[in-house]
Amino acid sequence: MTRMVTISSLLSILLFAFHWTDEISRGMETGGVSSLGGVLILVVWLYGTLVLAERRSGYIVTLIGGIFGLGVLVLHMQGTRIVGRRIVNTSGVFFWVWTLIALGVTSTLSAILSVRGLWSLRRGPTPS
């Protein structure tokens, strides 16, 4: 199960980075020094996924990352009036929406698998 959490979390990180880059290139998000907060989030999420795998702290980081990844989808889908006007008539809108939906799916899967991993740590190691 650890491999599935790692893969789904890595996909979420990649899709989040693609989506965020697309928003910066469209002028929807600011680039520069103000983006360092987002970089820090990605670094912590990546560290939790790769270095802290199979540990309680790693599962917690991937769970929080999964929840935030799903939150990106929810926030964008609620903001149709603001985001819809800015994005609907631009080129590449398909990629923007696709990464948003794929991010929501992989993040949700990552969160679910993280909860299962935390639950299995609580019960103790499973026999192979």
N, C-alpha and C. Protein backbone atom coordinates (compact mmCIF):
# COMPACT_ATOMS: atom_id res chain seq x y z
N MET A 1 0.82 -1.19 0.00
CA MET A 1 0.00 0.00 0.00
C MET A 1 0.86 1.26 0.00
N THR A 2 2.04 1.20 0.59
CA THR A 2 2.91 2.37 0.63
C THR A 2 3.27 2.86 -0.77
N ARG A 3 3.47 1.92 -1.68
CA ARG A 3 3.80 2.29 -3.06
C ARG A 3 2.66 3.07 -3.70
N MET A 4 1.42 2.65 -3.44
CA MET A 4 0.27 3.36 -4.00
C MET A 4 0.14 4.77 -3.45
N VAL A 5 0.39 4.94 -2.15
CA VAL A 5 0.35 6.28 -1.55
C VAL A 5 1.42 7.16 -2.19
N THR A 6 2.62 6.60 -2.34
CA THR A 6 3.73 7.37 -2.91
C THR A 6 3.42 7.78 -4.34
N ILE A 7 2.94 6.86 -5.15
CA ILE A 7 2.64 7.16 -6.55
C ILE A 7 1.52 8.19 -6.67
N SER A 8 0.44 8.00 -5.93
CA SER A 8 -0.68 8.95 -6.03
C SER A 8 -0.27 10.33 -5.51
N SER A 9 0.53 10.36 -4.46
CA SER A 9 0.98 11.65 -3.94
C SER A 9 1.94 12.35 -4.90
N LEU A 10 2.85 11.59 -5.51
CA LEU A 10 3.76 12.18 -6.50
C LEU A 10 3.00 12.72 -7.71
N LEU A 11 1.98 11.98 -8.15
CA LEU A 11 1.15 12.48 -9.26
C LEU A 11 0.44 13.77 -8.86
N SER A 12 -0.06 13.82 -7.65
CA SER A 12 -0.74 15.03 -7.17
C SER A 12 0.22 16.21 -7.13
N ILE A 13 1.43 15.97 -6.66
CA ILE A 13 2.43 17.04 -6.60
C ILE A 13 2.74 17.55 -8.01
N LEU A 14 2.93 16.63 -8.94
CA LEU A 14 3.22 17.01 -10.32
C LEU A 14 2.06 17.79 -10.94
N LEU A 15 0.85 17.30 -10.75
CA LEU A 15 -0.33 17.98 -11.31
C LEU A 15 -0.55 19.35 -10.66
N PHE A 16 -0.29 19.44 -9.36
CA PHE A 16 -0.39 20.73 -8.68
C PHE A 16 0.61 21.71 -9.27
N ALA A 17 1.83 21.25 -9.50
CA ALA A 17 2.86 22.12 -10.07
C ALA A 17 2.48 22.56 -11.48
N PHE A 18 1.95 21.64 -12.30
CA PHE A 18 1.50 22.00 -13.65
C PHE A 18 0.38 23.05 -13.58
N HIS A 19 -0.59 22.80 -12.73
CA HIS A 19 -1.74 23.69 -12.63
C HIS A 19 -1.30 25.07 -12.14
N TRP A 20 -0.46 25.09 -11.15
CA TRP A 20 0.03 26.35 -10.60
C TRP A 20 0.86 27.13 -11.63
N THR A 21 1.70 26.41 -12.37
CA THR A 21 2.49 27.03 -13.43
C THR A 21 1.59 27.62 -14.51
N ASP A 22 0.55 26.91 -14.86
CA ASP A 22 -0.40 27.40 -15.86
C ASP A 22 -1.07 28.68 -15.37
N GLU A 23 -1.43 28.71 -14.10
CA GLU A 23 -2.07 29.91 -13.57
C GLU A 23 -1.11 31.10 -13.52
N ILE A 24 0.15 30.85 -13.20
CA ILE A 24 1.14 31.93 -13.20
C ILE A 24 1.34 32.46 -14.61
N SER A 25 1.44 31.55 -15.59
CA SER A 25 1.68 31.98 -16.97
C SER A 25 0.49 32.75 -17.54
N ARG A 26 -0.71 32.52 -17.03
CA ARG A 26 -1.90 33.25 -17.48
C ARG A 26 -2.11 34.56 -16.72
N GLY A 27 -1.30 34.79 -15.68
CA GLY A 27 -1.45 36.00 -14.87
C GLY A 27 -2.51 35.88 -13.80
N MET A 28 -3.03 34.67 -13.57
CA MET A 28 -4.04 34.47 -12.53
C MET A 28 -3.40 34.42 -11.14
N GLU A 29 -2.16 34.00 -11.07
CA GLU A 29 -1.37 33.98 -9.84
C GLU A 29 -0.12 34.80 -10.08
N THR A 30 0.42 35.35 -9.02
CA THR A 30 1.64 36.13 -9.16
C THR A 30 2.85 35.21 -9.08
N GLY A 31 3.87 35.55 -9.81
CA GLY A 31 5.13 34.82 -9.73
C GLY A 31 6.10 35.57 -8.84
N GLY A 32 7.33 35.18 -8.86
CA GLY A 32 8.35 35.89 -8.11
C GLY A 32 8.49 35.40 -6.68
N VAL A 33 8.98 36.29 -5.83
CA VAL A 33 9.27 35.95 -4.43
C VAL A 33 8.00 35.54 -3.69
N SER A 34 6.87 36.10 -4.06
CA SER A 34 5.62 35.75 -3.38
C SER A 34 5.22 34.29 -3.59
N SER A 35 5.83 33.65 -4.57
CA SER A 35 5.53 32.25 -4.85
C SER A 35 6.32 31.28 -3.97
N LEU A 36 7.22 31.78 -3.16
CA LEU A 36 8.04 30.90 -2.33
C LEU A 36 7.21 30.10 -1.32
N GLY A 37 6.09 30.63 -0.92
CA GLY A 37 5.19 29.88 -0.03
C GLY A 37 4.70 28.61 -0.70
N GLY A 38 4.32 28.72 -1.96
CA GLY A 38 3.88 27.54 -2.72
C GLY A 38 5.00 26.55 -2.94
N VAL A 39 6.19 27.06 -3.17
CA VAL A 39 7.35 26.18 -3.32
C VAL A 39 7.61 25.43 -2.02
N LEU A 40 7.51 26.12 -0.89
CA LEU A 40 7.69 25.48 0.41
C LEU A 40 6.66 24.37 0.62
N ILE A 41 5.42 24.63 0.25
CA ILE A 41 4.37 23.61 0.38
C ILE A 41 4.73 22.38 -0.45
N LEU A 42 5.17 22.60 -1.69
CA LEU A 42 5.55 21.47 -2.55
C LEU A 42 6.74 20.71 -1.99
N VAL A 43 7.72 21.41 -1.42
CA VAL A 43 8.89 20.75 -0.84
C VAL A 43 8.49 19.88 0.35
N VAL A 44 7.66 20.41 1.24
CA VAL A 44 7.22 19.64 2.41
C VAL A 44 6.41 18.43 1.97
N TRP A 45 5.52 18.63 1.00
CA TRP A 45 4.69 17.53 0.48
C TRP A 45 5.57 16.46 -0.14
N LEU A 46 6.56 16.86 -0.92
CA LEU A 46 7.48 15.92 -1.55
C LEU A 46 8.33 15.20 -0.51
N TYR A 47 8.82 15.92 0.48
CA TYR A 47 9.62 15.32 1.55
C TYR A 47 8.80 14.28 2.32
N GLY A 48 7.58 14.65 2.66
CA GLY A 48 6.71 13.71 3.36
C GLY A 48 6.42 12.47 2.55
N THR A 49 6.29 12.65 1.24
CA THR A 49 5.99 11.52 0.36
C THR A 49 7.17 10.58 0.19
N LEU A 50 8.36 11.14 0.00
CA LEU A 50 9.52 10.31 -0.32
C LEU A 50 10.36 9.92 0.89
N VAL A 51 10.65 10.85 1.77
CA VAL A 51 11.56 10.58 2.87
C VAL A 51 10.84 9.97 4.08
N LEU A 52 9.63 10.43 4.32
CA LEU A 52 8.89 9.97 5.49
C LEU A 52 7.91 8.85 5.17
N ALA A 53 8.07 8.19 4.05
CA ALA A 53 7.15 7.11 3.65
C ALA A 53 7.11 6.03 4.73
N GLU A 54 5.95 5.47 4.94
CA GLU A 54 5.68 4.40 5.91
C GLU A 54 5.73 4.86 7.36
N ARG A 55 5.95 6.13 7.60
CA ARG A 55 5.93 6.67 8.96
C ARG A 55 4.63 7.43 9.18
N ARG A 56 4.26 7.55 10.42
CA ARG A 56 3.04 8.29 10.75
C ARG A 56 3.11 9.72 10.21
N SER A 57 4.26 10.38 10.38
CA SER A 57 4.40 11.76 9.91
C SER A 57 4.28 11.85 8.39
N GLY A 58 4.78 10.85 7.69
CA GLY A 58 4.66 10.83 6.23
C GLY A 58 3.22 10.69 5.79
N TYR A 59 2.49 9.79 6.46
CA TYR A 59 1.07 9.64 6.13
C TYR A 59 0.29 10.92 6.44
N ILE A 60 0.66 11.60 7.52
CA ILE A 60 -0.04 12.84 7.86
C ILE A 60 0.24 13.92 6.82
N VAL A 61 1.50 14.03 6.38
CA VAL A 61 1.84 15.02 5.35
C VAL A 61 1.10 14.72 4.05
N THR A 62 1.07 13.45 3.63
CA THR A 62 0.37 13.12 2.38
C THR A 62 -1.14 13.28 2.53
N LEU A 63 -1.66 13.05 3.73
CA LEU A 63 -3.08 13.28 3.97
C LEU A 63 -3.42 14.76 3.84
N ILE A 64 -2.63 15.61 4.48
CA ILE A 64 -2.86 17.06 4.39
C ILE A 64 -2.68 17.54 2.95
N GLY A 65 -1.64 17.05 2.27
CA GLY A 65 -1.44 17.41 0.87
C GLY A 65 -2.62 16.98 0.01
N GLY A 66 -3.14 15.78 0.26
CA GLY A 66 -4.30 15.30 -0.48
C GLY A 66 -5.53 16.17 -0.25
N ILE A 67 -5.72 16.58 0.99
CA ILE A 67 -6.87 17.44 1.31
C ILE A 67 -6.72 18.80 0.62
N PHE A 68 -5.51 19.36 0.65
CA PHE A 68 -5.28 20.65 -0.01
C PHE A 68 -5.43 20.53 -1.53
N GLY A 69 -4.96 19.42 -2.10
CA GLY A 69 -5.11 19.20 -3.53
C GLY A 69 -6.57 19.15 -3.94
N LEU A 70 -7.38 18.46 -3.14
CA LEU A 70 -8.81 18.43 -3.39
C LEU A 70 -9.42 19.82 -3.19
N GLY A 71 -8.89 20.55 -2.22
CA GLY A 71 -9.37 21.91 -1.96
C GLY A 71 -9.17 22.84 -3.15
N VAL A 72 -8.08 22.63 -3.89
CA VAL A 72 -7.84 23.44 -5.10
C VAL A 72 -8.99 23.22 -6.09
N LEU A 73 -9.38 21.97 -6.29
CA LEU A 73 -10.50 21.66 -7.19
C LEU A 73 -11.79 22.31 -6.69
N VAL A 74 -12.08 22.15 -5.42
CA VAL A 74 -13.32 22.68 -4.86
C VAL A 74 -13.35 24.20 -4.97
N LEU A 75 -12.25 24.87 -4.63
CA LEU A 75 -12.23 26.33 -4.71
C LEU A 75 -12.41 26.83 -6.13
N HIS A 76 -11.78 26.18 -7.10
CA HIS A 76 -11.92 26.61 -8.49
C HIS A 76 -13.31 26.33 -9.03
N MET A 77 -13.91 25.25 -8.63
CA MET A 77 -15.25 24.93 -9.12
C MET A 77 -16.30 25.84 -8.50
N GLN A 78 -16.04 26.37 -7.32
CA GLN A 78 -16.98 27.31 -6.70
C GLN A 78 -16.83 28.70 -7.29
N GLY A 79 -15.64 29.04 -7.77
CA GLY A 79 -15.37 30.39 -8.23
C GLY A 79 -15.64 30.59 -9.70
N THR A 80 -16.74 30.05 -10.23
CA THR A 80 -17.01 30.15 -11.66
C THR A 80 -17.17 31.59 -12.12
N ARG A 81 -17.69 32.46 -11.27
CA ARG A 81 -17.86 33.84 -11.69
C ARG A 81 -16.53 34.56 -11.85
N ILE A 82 -15.61 34.33 -10.93
CA ILE A 82 -14.31 35.01 -10.98
C ILE A 82 -13.38 34.30 -11.96
N VAL A 83 -13.16 33.03 -11.74
CA VAL A 83 -12.22 32.27 -12.56
C VAL A 83 -12.78 32.06 -13.95
N GLY A 84 -14.08 31.80 -14.06
CA GLY A 84 -14.70 31.52 -15.35
C GLY A 84 -14.49 32.63 -16.36
N ARG A 85 -14.62 33.87 -15.94
CA ARG A 85 -14.44 35.00 -16.85
C ARG A 85 -13.00 35.13 -17.32
N ARG A 86 -12.05 34.80 -16.46
CA ARG A 86 -10.64 34.96 -16.78
C ARG A 86 -10.12 33.83 -17.67
N ILE A 87 -10.67 32.65 -17.57
CA ILE A 87 -10.07 31.48 -18.21
C ILE A 87 -10.84 31.01 -19.43
N VAL A 88 -12.14 31.23 -19.48
CA VAL A 88 -12.98 30.59 -20.49
C VAL A 88 -12.58 30.91 -21.93
N ASN A 89 -12.15 32.10 -22.21
CA ASN A 89 -11.83 32.48 -23.58
C ASN A 89 -10.34 32.50 -23.87
N THR A 90 -9.56 31.78 -23.08
CA THR A 90 -8.12 31.74 -23.31
C THR A 90 -7.74 30.42 -23.96
N SER A 91 -6.59 30.43 -24.62
CA SER A 91 -6.13 29.17 -25.21
C SER A 91 -5.58 28.28 -24.10
N GLY A 92 -5.70 26.99 -24.29
CA GLY A 92 -5.18 26.04 -23.31
C GLY A 92 -6.11 25.80 -22.14
N VAL A 93 -7.36 26.23 -22.24
CA VAL A 93 -8.29 26.05 -21.13
C VAL A 93 -8.52 24.56 -20.85
N PHE A 94 -8.46 23.72 -21.88
CA PHE A 94 -8.63 22.28 -21.68
C PHE A 94 -7.58 21.74 -20.72
N PHE A 95 -6.30 22.11 -20.93
CA PHE A 95 -5.23 21.64 -20.06
C PHE A 95 -5.42 22.13 -18.63
N TRP A 96 -5.85 23.37 -18.48
CA TRP A 96 -6.08 23.95 -17.16
C TRP A 96 -7.15 23.15 -16.40
N VAL A 97 -8.26 22.89 -17.07
CA VAL A 97 -9.35 22.16 -16.44
C VAL A 97 -8.95 20.70 -16.21
N TRP A 98 -8.27 20.09 -17.17
CA TRP A 98 -7.85 18.69 -17.02
C TRP A 98 -6.93 18.52 -15.82
N THR A 99 -5.93 19.40 -15.68
CA THR A 99 -5.03 19.26 -14.54
C THR A 99 -5.77 19.49 -13.23
N LEU A 100 -6.74 20.36 -13.23
CA LEU A 100 -7.54 20.63 -12.05
C LEU A 100 -8.32 19.39 -11.63
N ILE A 101 -8.99 18.75 -12.58
CA ILE A 101 -9.78 17.55 -12.26
C ILE A 101 -8.86 16.38 -11.89
N ALA A 102 -7.79 16.19 -12.64
CA ALA A 102 -6.85 15.10 -12.33
C ALA A 102 -6.21 15.32 -10.96
N LEU A 103 -5.90 16.57 -10.62
CA LEU A 103 -5.36 16.87 -9.30
C LEU A 103 -6.36 16.50 -8.21
N GLY A 104 -7.61 16.83 -8.41
CA GLY A 104 -8.65 16.48 -7.44
C GLY A 104 -8.78 14.99 -7.24
N VAL A 105 -8.71 14.23 -8.34
CA VAL A 105 -8.85 12.77 -8.27
C VAL A 105 -7.65 12.14 -7.56
N THR A 106 -6.44 12.49 -8.00
CA THR A 106 -5.25 11.86 -7.40
C THR A 106 -5.06 12.31 -5.95
N SER A 107 -5.42 13.54 -5.64
CA SER A 107 -5.30 14.02 -4.26
C SER A 107 -6.28 13.30 -3.34
N THR A 108 -7.49 13.10 -3.82
CA THR A 108 -8.47 12.37 -3.02
C THR A 108 -8.02 10.94 -2.78
N LEU A 109 -7.51 10.29 -3.83
CA LEU A 109 -7.00 8.93 -3.67
C LEU A 109 -5.84 8.91 -2.68
N SER A 110 -4.95 9.87 -2.77
CA SER A 110 -3.81 9.96 -1.86
C SER A 110 -4.28 10.14 -0.42
N ALA A 111 -5.27 10.97 -0.21
CA ALA A 111 -5.80 11.18 1.14
C ALA A 111 -6.43 9.91 1.69
N ILE A 112 -7.21 9.22 0.86
CA ILE A 112 -7.84 7.97 1.30
C ILE A 112 -6.79 6.93 1.65
N LEU A 113 -5.79 6.78 0.80
CA LEU A 113 -4.73 5.80 1.07
C LEU A 113 -3.91 6.18 2.30
N SER A 114 -3.74 7.46 2.54
CA SER A 114 -3.03 7.91 3.73
C SER A 114 -3.80 7.57 5.00
N VAL A 115 -5.11 7.75 4.96
CA VAL A 115 -5.94 7.37 6.11
C VAL A 115 -5.83 5.87 6.35
N ARG A 116 -5.87 5.08 5.28
CA ARG A 116 -5.71 3.63 5.43
C ARG A 116 -4.34 3.29 6.01
N GLY A 117 -3.30 4.00 5.57
CA GLY A 117 -1.96 3.76 6.11
C GLY A 117 -1.88 4.11 7.58
N LEU A 118 -2.49 5.23 7.97
CA LEU A 118 -2.52 5.60 9.39
C LEU A 118 -3.29 4.57 10.20
N TRP A 119 -4.38 4.09 9.63
CA TRP A 119 -5.19 3.08 10.32
C TRP A 119 -4.41 1.78 10.49
N SER A 120 -3.65 1.39 9.48
CA SER A 120 -2.88 0.15 9.59
C SER A 120 -1.73 0.30 10.60
N LEU A 121 -1.17 1.49 10.76
CA LEU A 121 -0.15 1.71 11.79
C LEU A 121 -0.76 1.59 13.18
N ARG A 122 -1.98 2.02 13.31
CA ARG A 122 -2.68 1.95 14.59
C ARG A 122 -2.92 0.50 15.00
N ARG A 123 -3.26 -0.34 14.05
CA ARG A 123 -3.55 -1.75 14.32
C ARG A 123 -2.29 -2.59 14.45
N GLY A 124 -1.17 -2.06 13.98
CA GLY A 124 0.07 -2.83 14.02
C GLY A 124 0.39 -3.37 12.65
N PRO A 125 1.56 -3.94 12.50
CA PRO A 125 1.97 -4.46 11.18
C PRO A 125 1.10 -5.63 10.73
N THR A 126 0.82 -5.64 9.43
CA THR A 126 0.03 -6.74 8.88
C THR A 126 0.97 -7.87 8.46
N PRO A 127 0.59 -9.12 8.71
CA PRO A 127 1.45 -10.24 8.31
C PRO A 127 1.52 -10.36 6.79
N SER A 128 2.67 -10.71 6.30
CA SER A 128 2.85 -10.82 4.84
C SER A 128 2.50 -12.18 4.34
